[in-house]
Amino acid sequence: MLSIDKNQVMIEHYRELTLVSETRIQVTMKSYRITIDGEQLHVLALGKDEILLEGSVQNLAFAYEK
């Protein structure tokens, strides 16, 4: 589940947070990977099955994995 509101992104049911930088965040889900590109990106909250991100999102991409 992915929710976007203003400069915040909530990702639920993730498997792994694989990359965090000020310009890119990658999250692995069950069968795909989410890549968020932007500026001043950071993790606001990290729970067992959800992540809250904040920053200026410029691009969001899904890549399906086998």
C-alpha atoms as a PDB file:
ATOM      1  CA  MET A   1       0.000   0.000   0.000  1.00  0.00           C
ATOM      2  CA  LEU A   2       1.340   3.408  -0.968  1.00  0.00           C
ATOM      3  CA  SER A   3      -0.144   6.730   0.170  1.00  0.00           C
ATOM      4  CA  ILE A   4       1.064  10.171  -0.905  1.00  0.00           C
ATOM      5  CA  ASP A   5       0.015  13.399   0.837  1.00  0.00           C
ATOM      6  CA  LYS A   6       1.799  16.703   0.177  1.00  0.00           C
ATOM      7  CA  ASN A   7       5.504  16.005   0.845  1.00  0.00           C
ATOM      8  CA  GLN A   8       4.974  12.714   2.682  1.00  0.00           C
ATOM      9  CA  VAL A   9       4.876   9.135   1.408  1.00  0.00           C
ATOM     10  CA  MET A  10       3.601   6.215   3.517  1.00  0.00           C
ATOM     11  CA  ILE A  11       4.622   2.731   2.387  1.00  0.00           C
ATOM     12  CA  GLU A  12       2.991  -0.232   4.107  1.00  0.00           C
ATOM     13  CA  HIS A  13       3.899  -3.937   4.008  1.00  0.00           C
ATOM     14  CA  TYR A  14       7.487  -3.427   2.860  1.00  0.00           C
ATOM     15  CA  ARG A  15      10.188  -6.077   3.066  1.00  0.00           C
ATOM     16  CA  GLU A  16      13.414  -4.068   3.114  1.00  0.00           C
ATOM     17  CA  LEU A  17      14.648  -0.491   2.955  1.00  0.00           C
ATOM     18  CA  THR A  18      17.561  -0.924   0.538  1.00  0.00           C
ATOM     19  CA  LEU A  19      18.790   2.630  -0.144  1.00  0.00           C
ATOM     20  CA  VAL A  20      18.440   5.953   1.643  1.00  0.00           C
ATOM     21  CA  SER A  21      20.031   9.196   0.482  1.00  0.00           C
ATOM     22  CA  GLU A  22      18.893  12.817   0.232  1.00  0.00           C
ATOM     23  CA  THR A  23      18.027  12.286  -3.440  1.00  0.00           C
ATOM     24  CA  ARG A  24      16.900   8.625  -3.653  1.00  0.00           C
ATOM     25  CA  ILE A  25      15.093   6.053  -1.511  1.00  0.00           C
ATOM     26  CA  GLN A  26      14.523   2.434  -2.571  1.00  0.00           C
ATOM     27  CA  VAL A  27      12.157   0.042  -0.854  1.00  0.00           C
ATOM     28  CA  THR A  28      11.727  -3.650  -1.689  1.00  0.00           C
ATOM     29  CA  MET A  29       8.208  -5.037  -1.538  1.00  0.00           C
ATOM     30  CA  LYS A  30       7.026  -8.644  -2.009  1.00  0.00           C
ATOM     31  CA  SER A  31       7.192  -8.677  -5.818  1.00  0.00           C
ATOM     32  CA  TYR A  32       8.442  -5.219  -6.813  1.00  0.00           C
ATOM     33  CA  ARG A  33      10.791  -2.386  -5.874  1.00  0.00           C
ATOM     34  CA  ILE A  34       9.754   1.235  -5.329  1.00  0.00           C
ATOM     35  CA  THR A  35      12.287   3.952  -6.169  1.00  0.00           C
ATOM     36  CA  ILE A  36      11.615   7.521  -5.076  1.00  0.00           C
ATOM     37  CA  ASP A  37      13.759  10.323  -6.479  1.00  0.00           C
ATOM     38  CA  GLY A  38      13.658  13.864  -5.169  1.00  0.00           C
ATOM     39  CA  GLU A  39      15.337  16.375  -2.897  1.00  0.00           C
ATOM     40  CA  GLN A  40      15.796  16.453   0.872  1.00  0.00           C
ATOM     41  CA  LEU A  41      14.341  12.946   1.227  1.00  0.00           C
ATOM     42  CA  HIS A  42      14.463  11.359   4.665  1.00  0.00           C
ATOM     43  CA  VAL A  43      12.743   8.741   6.797  1.00  0.00           C
ATOM     44  CA  LEU A  44      10.389  10.227   9.398  1.00  0.00           C
ATOM     45  CA  ALA A  45       9.254   6.941  10.924  1.00  0.00           C
ATOM     46  CA  LEU A  46      10.260   3.330  10.453  1.00  0.00           C
ATOM     47  CA  GLY A  47       8.071   0.571  11.815  1.00  0.00           C
ATOM     48  CA  LYS A  48       7.935  -3.187  11.434  1.00  0.00           C
ATOM     49  CA  ASP A  49       5.700  -3.006   8.363  1.00  0.00           C
ATOM     50  CA  GLU A  50       5.446   0.677   7.427  1.00  0.00           C
ATOM     51  CA  ILE A  51       7.722   3.566   6.509  1.00  0.00           C
ATOM     52  CA  LEU A  52       6.895   7.276   6.509  1.00  0.00           C
ATOM     53  CA  LEU A  53       9.085   9.344   4.182  1.00  0.00           C
ATOM     54  CA  GLU A  54       9.265  13.102   3.693  1.00  0.00           C
ATOM     55  CA  GLY A  55      10.818  15.399   1.120  1.00  0.00           C
ATOM     56  CA  SER A  56      10.285  16.904  -2.300  1.00  0.00           C
ATOM     57  CA  VAL A  57       9.295  13.919  -4.462  1.00  0.00           C
ATOM     58  CA  GLN A  58      10.098  14.386  -8.155  1.00  0.00           C
ATOM     59  CA  ASN A  59       9.708  10.831  -9.460  1.00  0.00           C
ATOM     60  CA  LEU A  60       8.273   7.555  -8.199  1.00  0.00           C
ATOM     61  CA  ALA A  61       8.890   4.294 -10.082  1.00  0.00           C
ATOM     62  CA  PHE A  62       7.848   0.646  -9.689  1.00  0.00           C
ATOM     63  CA  ALA A  63      10.029  -2.177 -10.973  1.00  0.00           C
ATOM     64  CA  TYR A  64       8.553  -5.685 -10.877  1.00  0.00           C
ATOM     65  CA  GLU A  65      10.948  -8.418  -9.782  1.00  0.00           C
ATOM     66  CA  LYS A  66      10.714 -12.164 -10.305  1.00  0.00           C
END
